[in-house]
Full PDB file with SEQRES, HELIX, SHEET, SSBOND, CRYST1, ORIGX, SCALE, CONECT and MASTER records, all heavy atoms in Angstrom:
SEQRES   1 A   36  ALA PHE ALA HIS PRO GLY LEU PRO PRO GLY HIS ALA ALA          
SEQRES   2 A   36  THR PRO MET ILE ILE GLU PRO ARG ASP GLY ASP ALA GLU          
SEQRES   3 A   36  ASP ASP ALA SER SER THR LYS LYS ARG SER                      
HELIX    1 AA1 PRO A   20  ASP A   22  5                                   3    
HELIX    2 AA2 ALA A   25  ASP A   28  5                                   4    
CRYST1    1.000    1.000    1.000  90.00  90.00  90.00 P 1           1          
ORIGX1      1.000000  0.000000  0.000000        0.00000                         
ORIGX2      0.000000  1.000000  0.000000        0.00000                         
ORIGX3      0.000000  0.000000  1.000000        0.00000                         
SCALE1      1.000000  0.000000  0.000000        0.00000                         
SCALE2      0.000000  1.000000  0.000000        0.00000                         
SCALE3      0.000000  0.000000  1.000000        0.00000                         
ATOM      1  N   ALA A   1      87.175 108.328 100.393  1.00  0.00           N  
ATOM      2  CA  ALA A   1      85.828 108.760 100.041  1.00  0.00           C  
ATOM      3  C   ALA A   1      85.813 109.149  98.580  1.00  0.00           C  
ATOM      4  O   ALA A   1      86.845 109.384  97.969  1.00  0.00           O  
ATOM      5  CB  ALA A   1      85.406 109.929 100.922  1.00  0.00           C  
ATOM      6  N   PHE A   2      84.609 109.200  98.003  1.00  0.00           N  
ATOM      7  CA  PHE A   2      84.475 109.530  96.594  1.00  0.00           C  
ATOM      8  C   PHE A   2      83.837 110.902  96.459  1.00  0.00           C  
ATOM      9  O   PHE A   2      82.716 111.131  96.925  1.00  0.00           O  
ATOM     10  CB  PHE A   2      83.618 108.474  95.889  1.00  0.00           C  
ATOM     11  CG  PHE A   2      83.346 108.808  94.448  1.00  0.00           C  
ATOM     12  CD1 PHE A   2      84.369 108.758  93.518  1.00  0.00           C  
ATOM     13  CD2 PHE A   2      82.081 109.179  94.034  1.00  0.00           C  
ATOM     14  CE1 PHE A   2      84.127 109.067  92.190  1.00  0.00           C  
ATOM     15  CE2 PHE A   2      81.829 109.492  92.706  1.00  0.00           C  
ATOM     16  CZ  PHE A   2      82.851 109.428  91.782  1.00  0.00           C  
ATOM     17  N   ALA A   3      84.556 111.818  95.845  1.00  0.00           N  
ATOM     18  CA  ALA A   3      84.031 113.169  95.625  1.00  0.00           C  
ATOM     19  C   ALA A   3      83.539 113.275  94.179  1.00  0.00           C  
ATOM     20  O   ALA A   3      84.334 113.228  93.246  1.00  0.00           O  
ATOM     21  CB  ALA A   3      85.118 114.199  95.907  1.00  0.00           C  
ATOM     22  N   HIS A   4      82.214 113.376  94.000  1.00  0.00           N  
ATOM     23  CA  HIS A   4      81.656 113.478  92.654  1.00  0.00           C  
ATOM     24  C   HIS A   4      82.010 114.835  92.059  1.00  0.00           C  
ATOM     25  O   HIS A   4      81.874 115.866  92.719  1.00  0.00           O  
ATOM     26  CB  HIS A   4      80.131 113.292  92.708  1.00  0.00           C  
ATOM     27  CG  HIS A   4      79.533 113.044  91.362  1.00  0.00           C  
ATOM     28  ND1 HIS A   4      79.312 114.043  90.453  1.00  0.00           N  
ATOM     29  CD2 HIS A   4      79.121 111.889  90.780  1.00  0.00           C  
ATOM     30  CE1 HIS A   4      78.781 113.533  89.357  1.00  0.00           C  
ATOM     31  NE2 HIS A   4      78.650 112.230  89.527  1.00  0.00           N  
ATOM     32  N   PRO A   5      82.440 114.861  90.812  1.00  0.00           N  
ATOM     33  CA  PRO A   5      82.857 116.147  90.223  1.00  0.00           C  
ATOM     34  C   PRO A   5      81.736 117.159  90.113  1.00  0.00           C  
ATOM     35  O   PRO A   5      81.983 118.360  90.012  1.00  0.00           O  
ATOM     36  CB  PRO A   5      83.379 115.745  88.830  1.00  0.00           C  
ATOM     37  CG  PRO A   5      82.794 114.380  88.566  1.00  0.00           C  
ATOM     38  CD  PRO A   5      82.648 113.723  89.898  1.00  0.00           C  
ATOM     39  N   GLY A   6      80.476 116.713  90.190  1.00  0.00           N  
ATOM     40  CA  GLY A   6      79.356 117.647  90.074  1.00  0.00           C  
ATOM     41  C   GLY A   6      78.901 118.248  91.389  1.00  0.00           C  
ATOM     42  O   GLY A   6      77.968 119.062  91.414  1.00  0.00           O  
ATOM     43  N   LEU A   7      79.534 117.871  92.520  1.00  0.00           N  
ATOM     44  CA  LEU A   7      79.116 118.393  93.825  1.00  0.00           C  
ATOM     45  C   LEU A   7      79.468 119.872  93.957  1.00  0.00           C  
ATOM     46  O   LEU A   7      80.540 120.295  93.530  1.00  0.00           O  
ATOM     47  CB  LEU A   7      79.796 117.611  94.951  1.00  0.00           C  
ATOM     48  CG  LEU A   7      79.237 116.211  95.269  1.00  0.00           C  
ATOM     49  CD1 LEU A   7      80.097 115.560  96.332  1.00  0.00           C  
ATOM     50  CD2 LEU A   7      77.793 116.319  95.752  1.00  0.00           C  
ATOM     51  N   PRO A   8      78.563 120.661  94.563  1.00  0.00           N  
ATOM     52  CA  PRO A   8      78.880 122.085  94.791  1.00  0.00           C  
ATOM     53  C   PRO A   8      80.037 122.211  95.779  1.00  0.00           C  
ATOM     54  O   PRO A   8      80.270 121.318  96.606  1.00  0.00           O  
ATOM     55  CB  PRO A   8      77.581 122.640  95.381  1.00  0.00           C  
ATOM     56  CG  PRO A   8      76.533 121.636  95.058  1.00  0.00           C  
ATOM     57  CD  PRO A   8      77.209 120.327  94.976  1.00  0.00           C  
ATOM     58  N   PRO A   9      80.758 123.338  95.751  1.00  0.00           N  
ATOM     59  CA  PRO A   9      81.856 123.553  96.703  1.00  0.00           C  
ATOM     60  C   PRO A   9      81.348 123.486  98.136  1.00  0.00           C  
ATOM     61  O   PRO A   9      80.256 123.962  98.451  1.00  0.00           O  
ATOM     62  CB  PRO A   9      82.366 124.955  96.349  1.00  0.00           C  
ATOM     63  CG  PRO A   9      81.920 125.180  94.940  1.00  0.00           C  
ATOM     64  CD  PRO A   9      80.629 124.442  94.784  1.00  0.00           C  
ATOM     65  N   GLY A  10      82.105 122.890  98.999  1.00  0.00           N  
ATOM     66  CA  GLY A  10      81.771 122.799 100.412  1.00  0.00           C  
ATOM     67  C   GLY A  10      81.007 121.553 100.785  1.00  0.00           C  
ATOM     68  O   GLY A  10      80.842 121.262 101.970  1.00  0.00           O  
ATOM     69  N   HIS A  11      80.477 120.812  99.799  1.00  0.00           N  
ATOM     70  CA  HIS A  11      79.739 119.598 100.102  1.00  0.00           C  
ATOM     71  C   HIS A  11      80.724 118.471 100.410  1.00  0.00           C  
ATOM     72  O   HIS A  11      81.733 118.279  99.714  1.00  0.00           O  
ATOM     73  CB  HIS A  11      78.842 119.200  98.921  1.00  0.00           C  
ATOM     74  CG  HIS A  11      77.551 119.966  98.897  1.00  0.00           C  
ATOM     75  ND1 HIS A  11      76.323 119.378  99.063  1.00  0.00           N  
ATOM     76  CD2 HIS A  11      77.307 121.305  98.736  1.00  0.00           C  
ATOM     77  CE1 HIS A  11      75.374 120.289  98.993  1.00  0.00           C  
ATOM     78  NE2 HIS A  11      75.943 121.470  98.790  1.00  0.00           N  
ATOM     79  N   ALA A  12      80.430 117.660 101.423  1.00  0.00           N  
ATOM     80  CA  ALA A  12      81.316 116.572 101.842  1.00  0.00           C  
ATOM     81  C   ALA A  12      81.271 115.437 100.822  1.00  0.00           C  
ATOM     82  O   ALA A  12      80.232 115.194 100.193  1.00  0.00           O  
ATOM     83  CB  ALA A  12      80.918 116.060 103.219  1.00  0.00           C  
ATOM     84  N   ALA A  13      82.380 114.787 100.680  1.00  0.00           N  
ATOM     85  CA  ALA A  13      82.446 113.622  99.803  1.00  0.00           C  
ATOM     86  C   ALA A  13      81.632 112.481 100.412  1.00  0.00           C  
ATOM     87  O   ALA A  13      81.507 112.369 101.627  1.00  0.00           O  
ATOM     88  CB  ALA A  13      83.892 113.174  99.637  1.00  0.00           C  
ATOM     89  N   THR A  14      81.074 111.634  99.556  1.00  0.00           N  
ATOM     90  CA  THR A  14      80.239 110.519 100.013  1.00  0.00           C  
ATOM     91  C   THR A  14      81.112 109.376 100.497  1.00  0.00           C  
ATOM     92  O   THR A  14      81.940 108.868  99.749  1.00  0.00           O  
ATOM     93  CB  THR A  14      79.354 110.015  98.867  1.00  0.00           C  
ATOM     94  OG1 THR A  14      78.606 111.109  98.345  1.00  0.00           O  
ATOM     95  CG2 THR A  14      78.416 108.912  99.356  1.00  0.00           C  
ATOM     96  N   PRO A  15      80.938 108.932 101.775  1.00  0.00           N  
ATOM     97  CA  PRO A  15      81.714 107.772 102.255  1.00  0.00           C  
ATOM     98  C   PRO A  15      81.354 106.521 101.458  1.00  0.00           C  
ATOM     99  O   PRO A  15      80.193 106.295 101.117  1.00  0.00           O  
ATOM    100  CB  PRO A  15      81.301 107.646 103.729  1.00  0.00           C  
ATOM    101  CG  PRO A  15      80.685 108.957 104.083  1.00  0.00           C  
ATOM    102  CD  PRO A  15      80.074 109.488 102.819  1.00  0.00           C  
ATOM    103  N   MET A  16      82.340 105.730 101.178  1.00  0.00           N  
ATOM    104  CA  MET A  16      82.126 104.505 100.429  1.00  0.00           C  
ATOM    105  C   MET A  16      81.461 103.453 101.313  1.00  0.00           C  
ATOM    106  O   MET A  16      81.821 103.279 102.473  1.00  0.00           O  
ATOM    107  CB  MET A  16      83.455 103.949  99.923  1.00  0.00           C  
ATOM    108  CG  MET A  16      84.184 104.833  98.927  1.00  0.00           C  
ATOM    109  SD  MET A  16      83.323 104.941  97.348  1.00  0.00           S  
ATOM    110  CE  MET A  16      83.337 103.226  96.826  1.00  0.00           C  
ATOM    111  N   ILE A  17      80.473 102.736 100.743  1.00  0.00           N  
ATOM    112  CA  ILE A  17      79.859 101.608 101.460  1.00  0.00           C  
ATOM    113  C   ILE A  17      80.844 100.443 101.497  1.00  0.00           C  
ATOM    114  O   ILE A  17      81.106  99.853 102.543  1.00  0.00           O  
ATOM    115  CB  ILE A  17      78.534 101.192 100.789  1.00  0.00           C  
ATOM    116  CG1 ILE A  17      77.548 102.356 100.813  1.00  0.00           C  
ATOM    117  CG2 ILE A  17      77.955  99.950 101.464  1.00  0.00           C  
ATOM    118  CD1 ILE A  17      76.282 102.079 100.028  1.00  0.00           C  
ATOM    119  N   ILE A  18      81.370 100.089 100.349  1.00  0.00           N  
ATOM    120  CA  ILE A  18      82.449  99.091 100.246  1.00  0.00           C  
ATOM    121  C   ILE A  18      83.631  99.793  99.600  1.00  0.00           C  
ATOM    122  O   ILE A  18      83.542 100.241  98.451  1.00  0.00           O  
ATOM    123  CB  ILE A  18      82.026  97.877  99.398  1.00  0.00           C  
ATOM    124  CG1 ILE A  18      80.847  97.147 100.039  1.00  0.00           C  
ATOM    125  CG2 ILE A  18      83.204  96.907  99.234  1.00  0.00           C  
ATOM    126  CD1 ILE A  18      80.317  95.988  99.200  1.00  0.00           C  
ATOM    127  N   GLU A  19      84.712  99.919 100.315  1.00  0.00           N  
ATOM    128  CA  GLU A  19      85.900 100.602  99.792  1.00  0.00           C  
ATOM    129  C   GLU A  19      86.692  99.628  98.918  1.00  0.00           C  
ATOM    130  O   GLU A  19      87.340  98.697  99.423  1.00  0.00           O  
ATOM    131  CB  GLU A  19      86.760 101.092 100.957  1.00  0.00           C  
ATOM    132  CG  GLU A  19      88.109 101.666 100.551  1.00  0.00           C  
ATOM    133  CD  GLU A  19      88.006 102.711  99.462  1.00  0.00           C  
ATOM    134  OE1 GLU A  19      87.474 103.797  99.739  1.00  0.00           O  
ATOM    135  OE2 GLU A  19      88.447 102.420  98.325  1.00  0.00           O  
ATOM    136  N   PRO A  20      86.654  99.777  97.593  1.00  0.00           N  
ATOM    137  CA  PRO A  20      87.325  98.802  96.714  1.00  0.00           C  
ATOM    138  C   PRO A  20      88.836  98.791  96.878  1.00  0.00           C  
ATOM    139  O   PRO A  20      89.482  97.781  96.613  1.00  0.00           O  
ATOM    140  CB  PRO A  20      86.915  99.253  95.311  1.00  0.00           C  
ATOM    141  CG  PRO A  20      86.550 100.694  95.459  1.00  0.00           C  
ATOM    142  CD  PRO A  20      85.969 100.839  96.831  1.00  0.00           C  
ATOM    143  N   ARG A  21      89.399  99.928  97.328  1.00  0.00           N  
ATOM    144  CA  ARG A  21      90.854  99.961  97.507  1.00  0.00           C  
ATOM    145  C   ARG A  21      91.305  99.129  98.700  1.00  0.00           C  
ATOM    146  O   ARG A  21      92.479  98.795  98.822  1.00  0.00           O  
ATOM    147  CB  ARG A  21      91.315 101.413  97.661  1.00  0.00           C  
ATOM    148  CG  ARG A  21      91.278 102.191  96.355  1.00  0.00           C  
ATOM    149  CD  ARG A  21      91.326 103.685  96.568  1.00  0.00           C  
ATOM    150  NE  ARG A  21      90.080 104.190  97.163  1.00  0.00           N  
ATOM    151  CZ  ARG A  21      89.705 105.456  97.141  1.00  0.00           C  
ATOM    152  NH1 ARG A  21      90.478 106.351  96.552  1.00  0.00           N  
ATOM    153  NH2 ARG A  21      88.577 105.835  97.691  1.00  0.00           N  
ATOM    154  N   ASP A  22      90.359  98.802  99.611  1.00  0.00           N  
ATOM    155  CA  ASP A  22      90.689  97.965 100.762  1.00  0.00           C  
ATOM    156  C   ASP A  22      90.423  96.491 100.509  1.00  0.00           C  
ATOM    157  O   ASP A  22      90.687  95.660 101.374  1.00  0.00           O  
ATOM    158  CB  ASP A  22      89.897  98.408 101.994  1.00  0.00           C  
ATOM    159  CG  ASP A  22      90.386  99.754 102.525  1.00  0.00           C  
ATOM    160  OD1 ASP A  22      91.555 100.109 102.222  1.00  0.00           O  
ATOM    161  OD2 ASP A  22      89.615 100.438 103.223  1.00  0.00           O  
ATOM    162  N   GLY A  23      89.878  96.155  99.348  1.00  0.00           N  
ATOM    163  CA  GLY A  23      89.599  94.769  99.036  1.00  0.00           C  
ATOM    164  C   GLY A  23      88.395  94.229  99.790  1.00  0.00           C  
ATOM    165  O   GLY A  23      87.725  94.934 100.549  1.00  0.00           O  
ATOM    166  N   ASP A  24      88.115  92.945  99.571  1.00  0.00           N  
ATOM    167  CA  ASP A  24      87.011  92.284 100.261  1.00  0.00           C  
ATOM    168  C   ASP A  24      87.318  90.801 100.372  1.00  0.00           C  
ATOM    169  O   ASP A  24      88.461  90.379 100.156  1.00  0.00           O  
ATOM    170  CB  ASP A  24      85.679  92.530  99.529  1.00  0.00           C  
ATOM    171  CG  ASP A  24      85.759  92.220  98.045  1.00  0.00           C  
ATOM    172  OD1 ASP A  24      86.397  91.197  97.688  1.00  0.00           O  
ATOM    173  OD2 ASP A  24      85.208  92.978  97.237  1.00  0.00           O  
ATOM    174  N   ALA A  25      86.303  90.008 100.707  1.00  0.00           N  
ATOM    175  CA  ALA A  25      86.519  88.579 100.984  1.00  0.00           C  
ATOM    176  C   ALA A  25      87.117  87.840  99.797  1.00  0.00           C  
ATOM    177  O   ALA A  25      87.843  86.856  99.973  1.00  0.00           O  
ATOM    178  CB  ALA A  25      85.201  87.933 101.399  1.00  0.00           C  
ATOM    179  N   GLU A  26      86.825  88.268  98.581  1.00  0.00           N  
ATOM    180  CA  GLU A  26      87.362  87.599  97.403  1.00  0.00           C  
ATOM    181  C   GLU A  26      88.892  87.649  97.370  1.00  0.00           C  
ATOM    182  O   GLU A  26      89.544  86.729  96.876  1.00  0.00           O  
ATOM    183  CB  GLU A  26      86.785  88.232  96.140  1.00  0.00           C  
ATOM    184  CG  GLU A  26      87.100  87.471  94.874  1.00  0.00           C  
ATOM    185  CD  GLU A  26      86.433  88.079  93.656  1.00  0.00           C  
ATOM    186  OE1 GLU A  26      86.672  89.271  93.366  1.00  0.00           O  
ATOM    187  OE2 GLU A  26      85.643  87.370  93.017  1.00  0.00           O  
ATOM    188  N   ASP A  27      89.461  88.716  97.916  1.00  0.00           N  
ATOM    189  CA  ASP A  27      90.921  88.836  97.931  1.00  0.00           C  
ATOM    190  C   ASP A  27      91.574  87.885  98.924  1.00  0.00           C  
ATOM    191  O   ASP A  27      92.788  87.698  98.903  1.00  0.00           O  
ATOM    192  CB  ASP A  27      91.310  90.281  98.269  1.00  0.00           C  
ATOM    193  CG  ASP A  27      90.885  91.261  97.198  1.00  0.00           C  
ATOM    194  OD1 ASP A  27      91.416  91.162  96.080  1.00  0.00           O  
ATOM    195  OD2 ASP A  27      90.023  92.101  97.475  1.00  0.00           O  
ATOM    196  N   ASP A  28      90.781  87.291  99.821  1.00  0.00           N  
ATOM    197  CA  ASP A  28      91.308  86.366 100.826  1.00  0.00           C  
ATOM    198  C   ASP A  28      91.057  84.905 100.467  1.00  0.00           C  
ATOM    199  O   ASP A  28      91.293  84.019 101.283  1.00  0.00           O  
ATOM    200  CB  ASP A  28      90.667  86.643 102.191  1.00  0.00           C  
ATOM    201  CG  ASP A  28      90.976  88.037 102.711  1.00  0.00           C  
ATOM    202  OD1 ASP A  28      92.034  88.573 102.340  1.00  0.00           O  
ATOM    203  OD2 ASP A  28      90.156  88.582 103.478  1.00  0.00           O  
ATOM    204  N   ALA A  29      90.587  84.647  99.245  1.00  0.00           N  
ATOM    205  CA  ALA A  29      90.163  83.293  98.883  1.00  0.00           C  
ATOM    206  C   ALA A  29      91.272  82.265  99.081  1.00  0.00           C  
ATOM    207  O   ALA A  29      91.007  81.131  99.494  1.00  0.00           O  
ATOM    208  CB  ALA A  29      89.672  83.269  97.437  1.00  0.00           C  
ATOM    209  N   SER A  30      92.516  82.641  98.783  1.00  0.00           N  
ATOM    210  CA  SER A  30      93.636  81.696  98.895  1.00  0.00           C  
ATOM    211  C   SER A  30      94.645  82.129  99.943  1.00  0.00           C  
ATOM    212  O   SER A  30      95.779  81.626  99.960  1.00  0.00           O  
ATOM    213  CB  SER A  30      94.336  81.565  97.536  1.00  0.00           C  
ATOM    214  OG  SER A  30      93.437  81.149  96.544  1.00  0.00           O  
ATOM    215  N   SER A  31      94.270  83.038 100.801  1.00  0.00           N  
ATOM    216  CA  SER A  31      95.212  83.591 101.771  1.00  0.00           C  
ATOM    217  C   SER A  31      95.386  82.657 102.961  1.00  0.00           C  
ATOM    218  O   SER A  31      94.432  82.385 103.696  1.00  0.00           O  
ATOM    219  CB  SER A  31      94.726  84.957 102.258  1.00  0.00           C  
ATOM    220  OG  SER A  31      95.525  85.392 103.351  1.00  0.00           O  
ATOM    221  N   THR A  32      96.604  82.174 103.166  1.00  0.00           N  
ATOM    222  CA  THR A  32      96.898  81.350 104.341  1.00  0.00           C  
ATOM    223  C   THR A  32      97.019  82.201 105.597  1.00  0.00           C  
ATOM    224  O   THR A  32      97.107  81.656 106.700  1.00  0.00           O  
ATOM    225  CB  THR A  32      98.206  80.569 104.129  1.00  0.00           C  
ATOM    226  OG1 THR A  32      99.266  81.494 103.825  1.00  0.00           O  
ATOM    227  CG2 THR A  32      98.065  79.593 102.983  1.00  0.00           C  
ATOM    228  N   LYS A  33      97.034  83.523 105.445  1.00  0.00           N  
ATOM    229  CA  LYS A  33      97.069  84.416 106.609  1.00  0.00           C  
ATOM    230  C   LYS A  33      95.661  84.694 107.142  1.00  0.00           C  
ATOM    231  O   LYS A  33      95.492  85.018 108.311  1.00  0.00           O  
ATOM    232  CB  LYS A  33      97.731  85.757 106.242  1.00  0.00           C  
ATOM    233  CG  LYS A  33      99.068  85.635 105.522  1.00  0.00           C  
ATOM    234  CD  LYS A  33     100.108  84.917 106.334  1.00  0.00           C  
ATOM    235  CE  LYS A  33     101.431  84.834 105.564  1.00  0.00           C  
ATOM    236  NZ  LYS A  33     102.414  83.996 106.265  1.00  0.00           N  
ATOM    237  N   LYS A  34      94.660  84.570 106.262  1.00  0.00           N  
ATOM    238  CA  LYS A  34      93.285  84.884 106.656  1.00  0.00           C  
ATOM    239  C   LYS A  34      92.411  83.633 106.799  1.00  0.00           C  
ATOM    240  O   LYS A  34      91.378  83.675 107.443  1.00  0.00           O  
ATOM    241  CB  LYS A  34      92.647  85.814 105.615  1.00  0.00           C  
ATOM    242  CG  LYS A  34      93.382  87.134 105.415  1.00  0.00           C  
ATOM    243  CD  LYS A  34      93.106  88.102 106.534  1.00  0.00           C  
ATOM    244  CE  LYS A  34      91.749  88.733 106.407  1.00  0.00           C  
ATOM    245  NZ  LYS A  34      91.524  89.811 107.388  1.00  0.00           N  
ATOM    246  N   ARG A  35      92.831  82.523 106.151  1.00  0.00           N  
ATOM    247  CA  ARG A  35      92.049  81.289 106.201  1.00  0.00           C  
ATOM    248  C   ARG A  35      92.977  80.122 106.517  1.00  0.00           C  
ATOM    249  O   ARG A  35      94.153  80.128 106.143  1.00  0.00           O  
ATOM    250  CB  ARG A  35      91.338  81.029 104.868  1.00  0.00           C  
ATOM    251  CG  ARG A  35      90.426  82.142 104.401  1.00  0.00           C  
ATOM    252  CD  ARG A  35      89.830  81.807 103.049  1.00  0.00           C  
ATOM    253  NE  ARG A  35      88.912  80.684 103.138  1.00  0.00           N  
ATOM    254  CZ  ARG A  35      88.548  79.938 102.088  1.00  0.00           C  
ATOM    255  NH1 ARG A  35      89.038  80.196 100.891  1.00  0.00           N  
ATOM    256  NH2 ARG A  35      87.710  78.934 102.231  1.00  0.00           N  
ATOM    257  N   SER A  36      92.441  79.098 107.163  1.00  0.00           N  
ATOM    258  CA  SER A  36      93.236  77.912 107.452  1.00  0.00           C  
ATOM    259  C   SER A  36      93.411  77.090 106.186  1.00  0.00           C  
ATOM    260  O   SER A  36      92.599  77.169 105.248  1.00  0.00           O  
ATOM    261  CB  SER A  36      92.557  77.057 108.529  1.00  0.00           C  
ATOM    262  OG  SER A  36      91.396  76.444 108.014  1.00  0.00           O  
TER     263      SER A  36                                                      
MASTER        0    0    0    2    0    0    0    6  262    1    0    3          
END                                                                             
């Protein structure tokens, strides 16, 4: 999750819509494990 530095104490971090650290379809473009 992303915790904005301006958030007051006790406020929950905002869940990511697309987590960039987990990658996405572009990272599988040449993957023989994910595509035939």
